[in-house]
Amino acid sequence: MAIQIPAQFPAETLKSEATNSHQLRFSDSAQHEHLHSNIIPAIMSYTQEPFPDTLSERVLKKYGTDAPFRHREVVRQWIEGIFLRGGYHDKKVLELNTTVERAEKKDGEWILTLRKETQGRSDYWWQERFDALVVATGHYNVPWFPEVPGLLEYDARFPGRIVHSKHFRNGNKYKGKVSFVSPLYGAK
């Protein structure tokens, strides 16, 4: 969804549902609390940065000590550790929790318009310039809802009740309730 971008940078704007709704903007990743990597550590490792042997209790119990699966927090901490150990934390080469709102190529360089939610009631906006741009969003970035008769009408009448798995974080709000999950992969 396109949003209003400030005319000058840096800028601060008030937070709004249109700009900051993770569900409307598809900005959530599918990283729920039980997510584990399905890639073996040997493939993810660098020569100088071996991947940790840390296994979650859940994986240990289910698959044992030879399991290849690593919890999402192990992956995150490993990546952050590479930047910290390499001394990059002062060089601002890694910017987390930031949305690229626009990417434009002008005069042979890429101009990125970036937005970060602050702890307060505003968003901080700025622009940076680069020689090259790699877009690596993954192929499951935008949730797909099947064409089910009445689904759009139900969602309009009861906003927020239909939740795509991409926006699932934990099961707390579903405790003691009946939920329906439909495996409609590829069904059209």
N, C-alpha and C. Protein backbone atom coordinates (compact mmCIF):
# COMPACT_ATOMS: atom_id res chain seq x y z
N MET A 1 0.84 -1.17 0.00
CA MET A 1 0.00 0.00 0.00
C MET A 1 0.89 1.23 0.00
N ALA A 2 0.65 2.13 -0.91
CA ALA A 2 1.42 3.38 -0.98
C ALA A 2 0.99 4.30 0.15
N ILE A 3 1.95 5.00 0.74
CA ILE A 3 1.65 5.92 1.83
C ILE A 3 2.23 7.29 1.51
N GLN A 4 1.79 8.29 2.25
CA GLN A 4 2.28 9.66 2.06
C GLN A 4 3.71 9.76 2.56
N ILE A 5 4.61 10.20 1.70
CA ILE A 5 6.02 10.34 2.05
C ILE A 5 6.32 11.82 2.25
N PRO A 6 7.06 12.18 3.31
CA PRO A 6 7.36 13.59 3.56
C PRO A 6 8.08 14.25 2.37
N ALA A 7 7.94 15.55 2.25
CA ALA A 7 8.57 16.29 1.15
C ALA A 7 10.04 16.58 1.41
N GLN A 8 10.45 16.67 2.69
CA GLN A 8 11.83 16.96 3.05
C GLN A 8 12.35 15.93 4.04
N PHE A 9 13.69 15.77 4.05
CA PHE A 9 14.32 14.79 4.93
C PHE A 9 15.51 15.41 5.64
N PRO A 10 15.82 15.00 6.84
CA PRO A 10 15.06 14.07 7.67
C PRO A 10 13.75 14.70 8.11
N ALA A 11 12.81 13.84 8.52
CA ALA A 11 11.49 14.31 8.93
C ALA A 11 10.92 13.39 10.01
N GLU A 12 9.97 13.92 10.75
CA GLU A 12 9.20 13.13 11.71
C GLU A 12 7.74 13.32 11.39
N THR A 13 6.99 12.20 11.41
CA THR A 13 5.55 12.26 11.19
C THR A 13 4.86 11.49 12.30
N LEU A 14 3.62 11.85 12.58
CA LEU A 14 2.85 11.12 13.58
C LEU A 14 2.53 9.72 13.07
N LYS A 15 2.52 8.76 13.96
CA LYS A 15 2.15 7.40 13.59
C LYS A 15 0.67 7.37 13.21
N SER A 16 0.34 6.48 12.27
CA SER A 16 -1.06 6.33 11.85
C SER A 16 -1.31 4.88 11.48
N GLU A 17 -2.56 4.51 11.46
CA GLU A 17 -2.93 3.14 11.09
C GLU A 17 -2.48 2.83 9.66
N ALA A 18 -2.64 3.77 8.75
CA ALA A 18 -2.27 3.54 7.35
C ALA A 18 -0.76 3.32 7.18
N THR A 19 0.05 4.02 7.97
CA THR A 19 1.50 3.91 7.84
C THR A 19 2.09 2.81 8.70
N ASN A 20 1.55 2.61 9.90
CA ASN A 20 2.20 1.74 10.87
C ASN A 20 1.53 0.39 11.09
N SER A 21 0.41 0.11 10.45
CA SER A 21 -0.24 -1.18 10.62
C SER A 21 0.58 -2.27 9.93
N HIS A 22 1.12 -3.17 10.71
CA HIS A 22 1.95 -4.24 10.15
C HIS A 22 1.12 -5.16 9.25
N GLN A 23 -0.14 -5.34 9.59
CA GLN A 23 -0.97 -6.22 8.78
C GLN A 23 -1.35 -5.55 7.46
N LEU A 24 -1.68 -4.26 7.48
CA LEU A 24 -2.02 -3.56 6.24
C LEU A 24 -0.82 -3.37 5.33
N ARG A 25 0.36 -3.20 5.92
CA ARG A 25 1.57 -2.91 5.14
C ARG A 25 2.36 -4.17 4.79
N PHE A 26 1.97 -5.33 5.27
CA PHE A 26 2.68 -6.60 5.03
C PHE A 26 4.10 -6.55 5.56
N SER A 27 4.33 -5.78 6.63
CA SER A 27 5.70 -5.61 7.11
C SER A 27 6.12 -6.67 8.13
N ASP A 28 5.17 -7.46 8.63
CA ASP A 28 5.58 -8.54 9.52
C ASP A 28 6.25 -9.63 8.73
N SER A 29 7.19 -10.28 9.35
CA SER A 29 7.74 -11.48 8.74
C SER A 29 6.98 -12.65 9.36
N ALA A 30 7.21 -13.83 8.88
CA ALA A 30 6.51 -15.00 9.41
C ALA A 30 7.25 -15.60 10.59
N GLN A 31 7.94 -14.79 11.35
CA GLN A 31 8.76 -15.30 12.45
C GLN A 31 7.99 -15.38 13.74
N HIS A 32 7.19 -16.43 13.90
CA HIS A 32 6.46 -16.64 15.14
C HIS A 32 7.38 -17.25 16.19
N GLU A 33 6.90 -17.36 17.43
CA GLU A 33 7.76 -17.75 18.54
C GLU A 33 8.36 -19.15 18.43
N HIS A 34 7.76 -20.04 17.65
CA HIS A 34 8.28 -21.41 17.54
C HIS A 34 9.03 -21.67 16.24
N LEU A 35 9.31 -20.63 15.46
CA LEU A 35 9.96 -20.81 14.17
C LEU A 35 11.41 -21.27 14.34
N HIS A 36 11.77 -22.28 13.56
CA HIS A 36 13.14 -22.81 13.52
C HIS A 36 13.61 -22.83 12.08
N SER A 37 14.90 -22.63 11.88
CA SER A 37 15.48 -22.70 10.55
C SER A 37 15.41 -24.14 10.04
N ASN A 38 15.16 -24.30 8.77
CA ASN A 38 15.16 -25.65 8.19
C ASN A 38 16.39 -25.85 7.30
N ILE A 39 17.39 -25.01 7.49
CA ILE A 39 18.64 -25.12 6.74
C ILE A 39 19.72 -25.62 7.68
N ILE A 40 20.48 -26.60 7.26
CA ILE A 40 21.49 -27.17 8.15
C ILE A 40 22.57 -26.13 8.45
N PRO A 41 23.12 -26.15 9.66
CA PRO A 41 24.12 -25.17 10.07
C PRO A 41 25.34 -25.08 9.15
N ALA A 42 25.77 -26.20 8.58
CA ALA A 42 26.95 -26.19 7.70
C ALA A 42 26.74 -25.27 6.49
N ILE A 43 25.54 -25.20 5.99
CA ILE A 43 25.24 -24.35 4.84
C ILE A 43 25.20 -22.88 5.25
N MET A 44 24.71 -22.59 6.45
CA MET A 44 24.58 -21.21 6.91
C MET A 44 25.89 -20.62 7.43
N SER A 45 26.84 -21.45 7.79
CA SER A 45 28.08 -20.99 8.41
C SER A 45 29.02 -20.31 7.42
N TYR A 46 29.84 -19.42 7.97
CA TYR A 46 30.97 -18.85 7.26
C TYR A 46 32.22 -19.47 7.86
N THR A 47 33.31 -19.51 7.12
CA THR A 47 34.55 -20.09 7.62
C THR A 47 34.95 -19.45 8.94
N GLN A 48 34.90 -18.11 9.00
CA GLN A 48 35.30 -17.40 10.21
C GLN A 48 34.18 -17.32 11.24
N GLU A 49 32.97 -17.64 10.85
CA GLU A 49 31.81 -17.51 11.74
C GLU A 49 30.96 -18.78 11.70
N PRO A 50 31.40 -19.83 12.39
CA PRO A 50 30.60 -21.05 12.39
C PRO A 50 29.24 -20.82 13.05
N PHE A 51 28.28 -21.56 12.58
CA PHE A 51 26.93 -21.42 13.11
C PHE A 51 26.84 -22.11 14.47
N PRO A 52 26.16 -21.53 15.45
CA PRO A 52 26.10 -22.08 16.81
C PRO A 52 25.45 -23.47 16.86
N ASP A 53 25.91 -24.26 17.81
CA ASP A 53 25.34 -25.59 18.04
C ASP A 53 24.13 -25.55 18.96
N THR A 54 23.68 -24.38 19.33
CA THR A 54 22.60 -24.20 20.29
C THR A 54 21.28 -24.76 19.75
N LEU A 55 20.69 -25.68 20.51
CA LEU A 55 19.40 -26.27 20.15
C LEU A 55 18.36 -25.86 21.20
N SER A 56 17.15 -25.61 20.76
CA SER A 56 16.08 -25.28 21.70
C SER A 56 15.62 -26.55 22.41
N GLU A 57 14.99 -26.38 23.55
CA GLU A 57 14.46 -27.53 24.31
C GLU A 57 13.47 -28.31 23.45
N ARG A 58 12.67 -27.59 22.69
CA ARG A 58 11.65 -28.23 21.84
C ARG A 58 12.30 -29.15 20.80
N VAL A 59 13.37 -28.66 20.16
CA VAL A 59 14.06 -29.46 19.14
C VAL A 59 14.80 -30.63 19.78
N LEU A 60 15.47 -30.38 20.88
CA LEU A 60 16.17 -31.46 21.58
C LEU A 60 15.22 -32.59 21.95
N LYS A 61 14.07 -32.24 22.48
CA LYS A 61 13.08 -33.23 22.91
C LYS A 61 12.54 -34.04 21.72
N LYS A 62 12.29 -33.35 20.62
CA LYS A 62 11.66 -34.00 19.47
C LYS A 62 12.65 -34.72 18.54
N TYR A 63 13.86 -34.11 18.33
CA TYR A 63 14.78 -34.65 17.32
C TYR A 63 16.14 -35.10 17.87
N GLY A 64 16.46 -34.73 19.10
CA GLY A 64 17.73 -35.14 19.69
C GLY A 64 18.87 -34.19 19.38
N THR A 65 20.06 -34.56 19.81
CA THR A 65 21.23 -33.67 19.74
C THR A 65 21.80 -33.48 18.33
N ASP A 66 21.42 -34.33 17.37
CA ASP A 66 21.92 -34.19 16.00
C ASP A 66 20.99 -33.38 15.10
N ALA A 67 19.97 -32.78 15.67
CA ALA A 67 18.99 -32.03 14.87
C ALA A 67 19.65 -30.83 14.18
N PRO A 68 19.29 -30.57 12.93
CA PRO A 68 19.87 -29.43 12.20
C PRO A 68 19.13 -28.11 12.46
N PHE A 69 18.00 -28.16 13.14
CA PHE A 69 17.14 -26.98 13.27
C PHE A 69 17.60 -26.03 14.36
N ARG A 70 17.61 -24.73 14.06
CA ARG A 70 18.00 -23.71 15.02
C ARG A 70 16.85 -22.71 15.18
N HIS A 71 16.58 -22.32 16.41
CA HIS A 71 15.50 -21.39 16.70
C HIS A 71 15.80 -20.02 16.09
N ARG A 72 14.77 -19.28 15.75
CA ARG A 72 14.92 -17.97 15.11
C ARG A 72 15.80 -17.03 15.91
N GLU A 73 15.76 -17.10 17.25
CA GLU A 73 16.59 -16.22 18.08
C GLU A 73 18.07 -16.57 17.97
N VAL A 74 18.38 -17.86 17.78
CA VAL A 74 19.78 -18.27 17.59
C VAL A 74 20.30 -17.67 16.28
N VAL A 75 19.48 -17.71 15.23
CA VAL A 75 19.87 -17.14 13.93
C VAL A 75 20.06 -15.63 14.07
N ARG A 76 19.11 -14.95 14.70
CA ARG A 76 19.21 -13.50 14.88
C ARG A 76 20.45 -13.11 15.67
N GLN A 77 20.69 -13.78 16.79
CA GLN A 77 21.86 -13.47 17.63
C GLN A 77 23.17 -13.73 16.88
N TRP A 78 23.19 -14.77 16.06
CA TRP A 78 24.39 -15.10 15.28
C TRP A 78 24.70 -13.97 14.29
N ILE A 79 23.67 -13.51 13.57
CA ILE A 79 23.85 -12.44 12.59
C ILE A 79 24.30 -11.15 13.29
N GLU A 80 23.62 -10.78 14.37
CA GLU A 80 24.01 -9.58 15.10
C GLU A 80 25.43 -9.71 15.64
N GLY A 81 25.80 -10.90 16.10
CA GLY A 81 27.14 -11.14 16.63
C GLY A 81 28.22 -10.93 15.59
N ILE A 82 27.94 -11.30 14.34
CA ILE A 82 28.92 -11.09 13.25
C ILE A 82 29.23 -9.59 13.13
N PHE A 83 28.19 -8.76 13.17
CA PHE A 83 28.40 -7.31 13.07
C PHE A 83 29.12 -6.77 14.29
N LEU A 84 28.77 -7.24 15.47
CA LEU A 84 29.42 -6.74 16.69
C LEU A 84 30.89 -7.15 16.73
N ARG A 85 31.17 -8.42 16.48
CA ARG A 85 32.56 -8.90 16.53
C ARG A 85 33.41 -8.27 15.42
N GLY A 86 32.79 -7.93 14.31
CA GLY A 86 33.53 -7.33 13.20
C GLY A 86 33.74 -5.84 13.38
N GLY A 87 33.19 -5.27 14.45
CA GLY A 87 33.35 -3.84 14.70
C GLY A 87 32.49 -2.96 13.82
N TYR A 88 31.42 -3.51 13.25
CA TYR A 88 30.58 -2.75 12.34
C TYR A 88 29.49 -1.95 13.04
N HIS A 89 29.28 -2.18 14.34
CA HIS A 89 28.17 -1.53 15.03
C HIS A 89 28.31 -0.01 15.04
N ASP A 90 29.52 0.52 14.94
CA ASP A 90 29.73 1.97 14.93
C ASP A 90 29.64 2.55 13.51
N LYS A 91 29.67 1.71 12.51
CA LYS A 91 29.73 2.19 11.13
C LYS A 91 28.36 2.31 10.47
N LYS A 92 27.29 1.94 11.18
CA LYS A 92 25.92 2.03 10.67
C LYS A 92 25.73 1.31 9.33
N VAL A 93 26.28 0.10 9.22
CA VAL A 93 26.07 -0.67 8.00
C VAL A 93 24.88 -1.61 8.13
N LEU A 94 24.33 -1.70 9.33
CA LEU A 94 23.16 -2.54 9.57
C LEU A 94 22.10 -1.69 10.25
N GLU A 95 20.92 -1.63 9.66
CA GLU A 95 19.83 -0.84 10.23
C GLU A 95 18.63 -1.77 10.37
N LEU A 96 18.28 -2.12 11.59
CA LEU A 96 17.17 -3.04 11.84
C LEU A 96 15.88 -2.26 12.09
N ASN A 97 14.76 -2.95 11.98
CA ASN A 97 13.43 -2.37 12.24
C ASN A 97 13.19 -1.11 11.42
N THR A 98 13.56 -1.17 10.16
CA THR A 98 13.44 -0.03 9.25
C THR A 98 12.72 -0.48 7.98
N THR A 99 11.85 0.38 7.49
CA THR A 99 11.09 0.08 6.28
C THR A 99 11.62 0.91 5.12
N VAL A 100 11.87 0.26 3.99
CA VAL A 100 12.21 0.99 2.77
C VAL A 100 10.88 1.38 2.13
N GLU A 101 10.57 2.66 2.16
CA GLU A 101 9.29 3.14 1.64
C GLU A 101 9.34 3.49 0.16
N ARG A 102 10.52 3.81 -0.34
CA ARG A 102 10.65 4.11 -1.77
C ARG A 102 12.09 3.85 -2.19
N ALA A 103 12.26 3.32 -3.39
CA ALA A 103 13.58 3.14 -3.99
C ALA A 103 13.50 3.72 -5.40
N GLU A 104 14.31 4.75 -5.66
CA GLU A 104 14.30 5.41 -6.96
C GLU A 104 15.72 5.48 -7.50
N LYS A 105 15.84 5.25 -8.80
CA LYS A 105 17.15 5.40 -9.43
C LYS A 105 17.17 6.74 -10.17
N LYS A 106 18.10 7.62 -9.73
CA LYS A 106 18.24 8.94 -10.34
C LYS A 106 19.72 9.20 -10.60
N ASP A 107 20.01 9.61 -11.81
CA ASP A 107 21.40 9.96 -12.18
C ASP A 107 22.39 8.87 -11.82
N GLY A 108 22.01 7.61 -12.04
CA GLY A 108 22.92 6.49 -11.84
C GLY A 108 23.09 6.02 -10.41
N GLU A 109 22.33 6.57 -9.46
CA GLU A 109 22.41 6.09 -8.09
C GLU A 109 21.02 5.80 -7.54
N TRP A 110 20.98 4.94 -6.55
CA TRP A 110 19.73 4.57 -5.91
C TRP A 110 19.50 5.46 -4.70
N ILE A 111 18.32 6.05 -4.62
CA ILE A 111 17.94 6.86 -3.47
C ILE A 111 16.86 6.09 -2.72
N LEU A 112 17.18 5.71 -1.49
CA LEU A 112 16.23 4.99 -0.66
C LEU A 112 15.60 5.93 0.35
N THR A 113 14.27 5.91 0.41
CA THR A 113 13.54 6.65 1.43
C THR A 113 13.21 5.65 2.53
N LEU A 114 13.70 5.92 3.73
CA LEU A 114 13.63 4.97 4.84
C LEU A 114 12.78 5.53 5.98
N ARG A 115 12.10 4.61 6.71
CA ARG A 115 11.25 5.00 7.83
C ARG A 115 11.47 4.05 9.00
N LYS A 116 11.63 4.61 10.18
CA LYS A 116 11.79 3.82 11.40
C LYS A 116 10.78 4.30 12.43
N GLU A 117 10.06 3.33 13.03
CA GLU A 117 9.14 3.68 14.10
C GLU A 117 9.93 4.02 15.35
N THR A 118 9.61 5.14 15.97
CA THR A 118 10.28 5.52 17.22
C THR A 118 9.49 4.95 18.39
N GLN A 119 10.06 5.04 19.58
CA GLN A 119 9.37 4.56 20.79
C GLN A 119 8.16 5.44 21.11
N GLY A 120 8.18 6.67 20.67
CA GLY A 120 7.10 7.61 20.96
C GLY A 120 5.96 7.50 19.98
N ARG A 121 5.41 8.64 19.62
CA ARG A 121 4.23 8.69 18.77
C ARG A 121 4.55 9.08 17.34
N SER A 122 5.84 9.00 16.95
CA SER A 122 6.20 9.45 15.61
C SER A 122 7.08 8.43 14.88
N ASP A 123 7.21 8.67 13.59
CA ASP A 123 8.11 7.90 12.73
C ASP A 123 9.23 8.84 12.30
N TYR A 124 10.45 8.30 12.18
CA TYR A 124 11.59 9.08 11.71
C TYR A 124 11.88 8.66 10.27
N TRP A 125 12.00 9.63 9.37
CA TRP A 125 12.23 9.40 7.95
C TRP A 125 13.57 10.00 7.53
N TRP A 126 14.26 9.34 6.60
CA TRP A 126 15.48 9.89 6.03
C TRP A 126 15.74 9.22 4.69
N GLN A 127 16.72 9.74 3.96
CA GLN A 127 17.11 9.16 2.68
C GLN A 127 18.60 8.84 2.70
N GLU A 128 18.96 7.78 1.97
CA GLU A 128 20.35 7.41 1.78
C GLU A 128 20.56 7.08 0.31
N ARG A 129 21.79 7.24 -0.16
CA ARG A 129 22.13 7.02 -1.57
C ARG A 129 23.12 5.87 -1.70
N PHE A 130 22.91 5.04 -2.74
CA PHE A 130 23.74 3.86 -2.96
C PHE A 130 24.03 3.68 -4.44
N ASP A 131 25.13 2.99 -4.73
CA ASP A 131 25.49 2.67 -6.12
C ASP A 131 24.68 1.50 -6.66
N ALA A 132 24.28 0.60 -5.78
CA ALA A 132 23.56 -0.60 -6.21
C ALA A 132 22.47 -0.94 -5.19
N LEU A 133 21.51 -1.74 -5.63
CA LEU A 133 20.39 -2.14 -4.78
C LEU A 133 20.08 -3.61 -5.03
N VAL A 134 19.94 -4.38 -3.96
CA VAL A 134 19.52 -5.77 -4.05
C VAL A 134 18.18 -5.88 -3.35
N VAL A 135 17.17 -6.38 -4.02
CA VAL A 135 15.85 -6.57 -3.42
C VAL A 135 15.70 -8.05 -3.13
N ALA A 136 15.64 -8.39 -1.84
CA ALA A 136 15.56 -9.79 -1.42
C ALA A 136 14.45 -9.94 -0.39
N THR A 137 13.21 -9.84 -0.86
CA THR A 137 12.06 -9.86 0.05
C THR A 137 11.56 -11.27 0.34
N GLY A 138 11.98 -12.22 -0.44
CA GLY A 138 11.42 -13.56 -0.29
C GLY A 138 10.17 -13.68 -1.13
N HIS A 139 9.81 -14.90 -1.46
CA HIS A 139 8.66 -15.08 -2.35
C HIS A 139 7.35 -15.27 -1.59
N TYR A 140 7.36 -15.19 -0.27
CA TYR A 140 6.13 -15.28 0.51
C TYR A 140 5.88 -13.98 1.26
N ASN A 141 6.24 -12.86 0.68
CA ASN A 141 6.15 -11.58 1.39
C ASN A 141 4.71 -11.07 1.53
N VAL A 142 3.91 -11.15 0.48
CA VAL A 142 2.54 -10.65 0.53
C VAL A 142 1.59 -11.82 0.73
N PRO A 143 0.80 -11.78 1.82
CA PRO A 143 -0.12 -12.89 2.09
C PRO A 143 -1.14 -13.07 0.98
N TRP A 144 -1.49 -14.29 0.71
CA TRP A 144 -2.49 -14.59 -0.30
C TRP A 144 -3.71 -15.19 0.38
N PHE A 145 -4.88 -14.64 0.09
CA PHE A 145 -6.13 -15.18 0.60
C PHE A 145 -6.90 -15.77 -0.58
N PRO A 146 -7.39 -16.98 -0.43
CA PRO A 146 -8.12 -17.61 -1.53
C PRO A 146 -9.46 -16.94 -1.76
N GLU A 147 -9.99 -17.12 -2.96
CA GLU A 147 -11.31 -16.58 -3.28
C GLU A 147 -12.37 -17.54 -2.75
N VAL A 148 -12.85 -17.26 -1.55
CA VAL A 148 -13.87 -18.09 -0.90
C VAL A 148 -15.14 -17.25 -0.84
N PRO A 149 -16.25 -17.75 -1.34
CA PRO A 149 -17.49 -16.97 -1.30
C PRO A 149 -17.80 -16.48 0.12
N GLY A 150 -18.02 -15.17 0.26
CA GLY A 150 -18.37 -14.58 1.55
C GLY A 150 -17.20 -14.15 2.40
N LEU A 151 -15.98 -14.52 2.03
CA LEU A 151 -14.80 -14.19 2.85
C LEU A 151 -14.57 -12.68 2.93
N LEU A 152 -14.60 -11.98 1.81
CA LEU A 152 -14.39 -10.53 1.82
C LEU A 152 -15.48 -9.81 2.60
N GLU A 153 -16.73 -10.27 2.45
CA GLU A 153 -17.84 -9.65 3.17
C GLU A 153 -17.68 -9.86 4.69
N TYR A 154 -17.27 -11.06 5.07
CA TYR A 154 -17.04 -11.36 6.50
C TYR A 154 -15.93 -10.48 7.06
N ASP A 155 -14.85 -10.34 6.30
CA ASP A 155 -13.73 -9.52 6.75
C ASP A 155 -14.14 -8.06 6.88
N ALA A 156 -15.00 -7.57 5.98
CA ALA A 156 -15.47 -6.18 6.07
C ALA A 156 -16.37 -5.99 7.29
N ARG A 157 -17.18 -7.01 7.58
CA ARG A 157 -18.11 -6.92 8.72
C ARG A 157 -17.40 -7.10 10.05
N PHE A 158 -16.37 -7.96 10.09
CA PHE A 158 -15.64 -8.25 11.32
C PHE A 158 -14.14 -8.07 11.09
N PRO A 159 -13.69 -6.82 10.97
CA PRO A 159 -12.27 -6.56 10.67
C PRO A 159 -11.33 -7.17 11.73
N GLY A 160 -10.26 -7.75 11.24
CA GLY A 160 -9.25 -8.29 12.14
C GLY A 160 -9.47 -9.72 12.59
N ARG A 161 -10.62 -10.30 12.28
CA ARG A 161 -10.87 -11.70 12.70
C ARG A 161 -10.18 -12.70 11.77
N ILE A 162 -10.04 -12.34 10.51
CA ILE A 162 -9.34 -13.22 9.59
C ILE A 162 -7.87 -12.83 9.65
N VAL A 163 -7.04 -13.77 10.03
CA VAL A 163 -5.62 -13.50 10.21
C VAL A 163 -4.82 -14.48 9.36
N HIS A 164 -3.93 -13.95 8.54
CA HIS A 164 -3.04 -14.80 7.74
C HIS A 164 -1.94 -15.33 8.64
N SER A 165 -1.43 -16.50 8.33
CA SER A 165 -0.37 -17.11 9.15
C SER A 165 0.87 -16.23 9.23
N LYS A 166 1.07 -15.36 8.26
CA LYS A 166 2.22 -14.46 8.28
C LYS A 166 2.19 -13.55 9.51
N HIS A 167 1.00 -13.23 9.99
CA HIS A 167 0.85 -12.31 11.11
C HIS A 167 0.72 -13.04 12.45
N PHE A 168 0.81 -14.37 12.45
CA PHE A 168 0.73 -15.15 13.68
C PHE A 168 2.02 -14.97 14.48
N ARG A 169 1.90 -14.69 15.77
CA ARG A 169 3.06 -14.54 16.64
C ARG A 169 3.08 -15.60 17.74
N ASN A 170 1.94 -15.85 18.35
CA ASN A 170 1.82 -16.91 19.35
C ASN A 170 0.34 -17.26 19.49
N GLY A 171 0.05 -18.30 20.24
CA GLY A 171 -1.32 -18.77 20.34
C GLY A 171 -2.12 -18.20 21.50
N ASN A 172 -1.59 -17.21 22.21
CA ASN A 172 -2.26 -16.70 23.41
C ASN A 172 -3.68 -16.22 23.16
N LYS A 173 -3.92 -15.49 22.10
CA LYS A 173 -5.27 -14.95 21.88
C LYS A 173 -6.26 -16.02 21.40
N TYR A 174 -5.78 -17.21 21.11
CA TYR A 174 -6.65 -18.29 20.65
C TYR A 174 -6.94 -19.32 21.74
N LYS A 175 -6.34 -19.16 22.91
CA LYS A 175 -6.52 -20.10 24.01
C LYS A 175 -7.99 -20.18 24.41
N GLY A 176 -8.53 -21.39 24.49
CA GLY A 176 -9.92 -21.58 24.89
C GLY A 176 -10.93 -21.25 23.81
N LYS A 177 -10.48 -21.01 22.60
CA LYS A 177 -11.38 -20.67 21.50
C LYS A 177 -11.24 -21.72 20.40
N VAL A 178 -12.20 -21.74 19.52
CA VAL A 178 -12.14 -22.62 18.37
C VAL A 178 -11.61 -21.81 17.20
N SER A 179 -10.58 -22.30 16.55
CA SER A 179 -10.01 -21.62 15.39
C SER A 179 -10.14 -22.55 14.18
N PHE A 180 -10.28 -21.96 13.02
CA PHE A 180 -10.36 -22.72 11.78
C PHE A 180 -9.17 -22.39 10.92
N VAL A 181 -8.45 -23.39 10.50
CA VAL A 181 -7.31 -23.20 9.61
C VAL A 181 -7.58 -24.00 8.36
N SER A 182 -7.51 -23.34 7.22
CA SER A 182 -7.77 -24.00 5.97
C SER A 182 -6.51 -24.13 5.15
N PRO A 183 -6.06 -25.36 4.85
CA PRO A 183 -4.86 -25.54 4.01
C PRO A 183 -5.22 -25.44 2.54
N LEU A 184 -5.36 -24.21 2.04
CA LEU A 184 -5.77 -24.01 0.66
C LEU A 184 -4.61 -23.65 -0.24
N TYR A 185 -3.45 -24.25 -0.02
CA TYR A 185 -2.29 -23.95 -0.84
C TYR A 185 -2.58 -24.27 -2.30
N GLY A 186 -2.39 -23.27 -3.14
CA GLY A 186 -2.53 -23.49 -4.57
C GLY A 186 -3.96 -23.59 -5.06
N ALA A 187 -4.93 -23.62 -4.15
CA ALA A 187 -6.32 -23.74 -4.57
C ALA A 187 -6.81 -22.41 -5.11
N LYS A 188 -7.40 -22.45 -6.28
CA LYS A 188 -7.96 -21.21 -6.86
C LYS A 188 -9.29 -21.52 -7.48
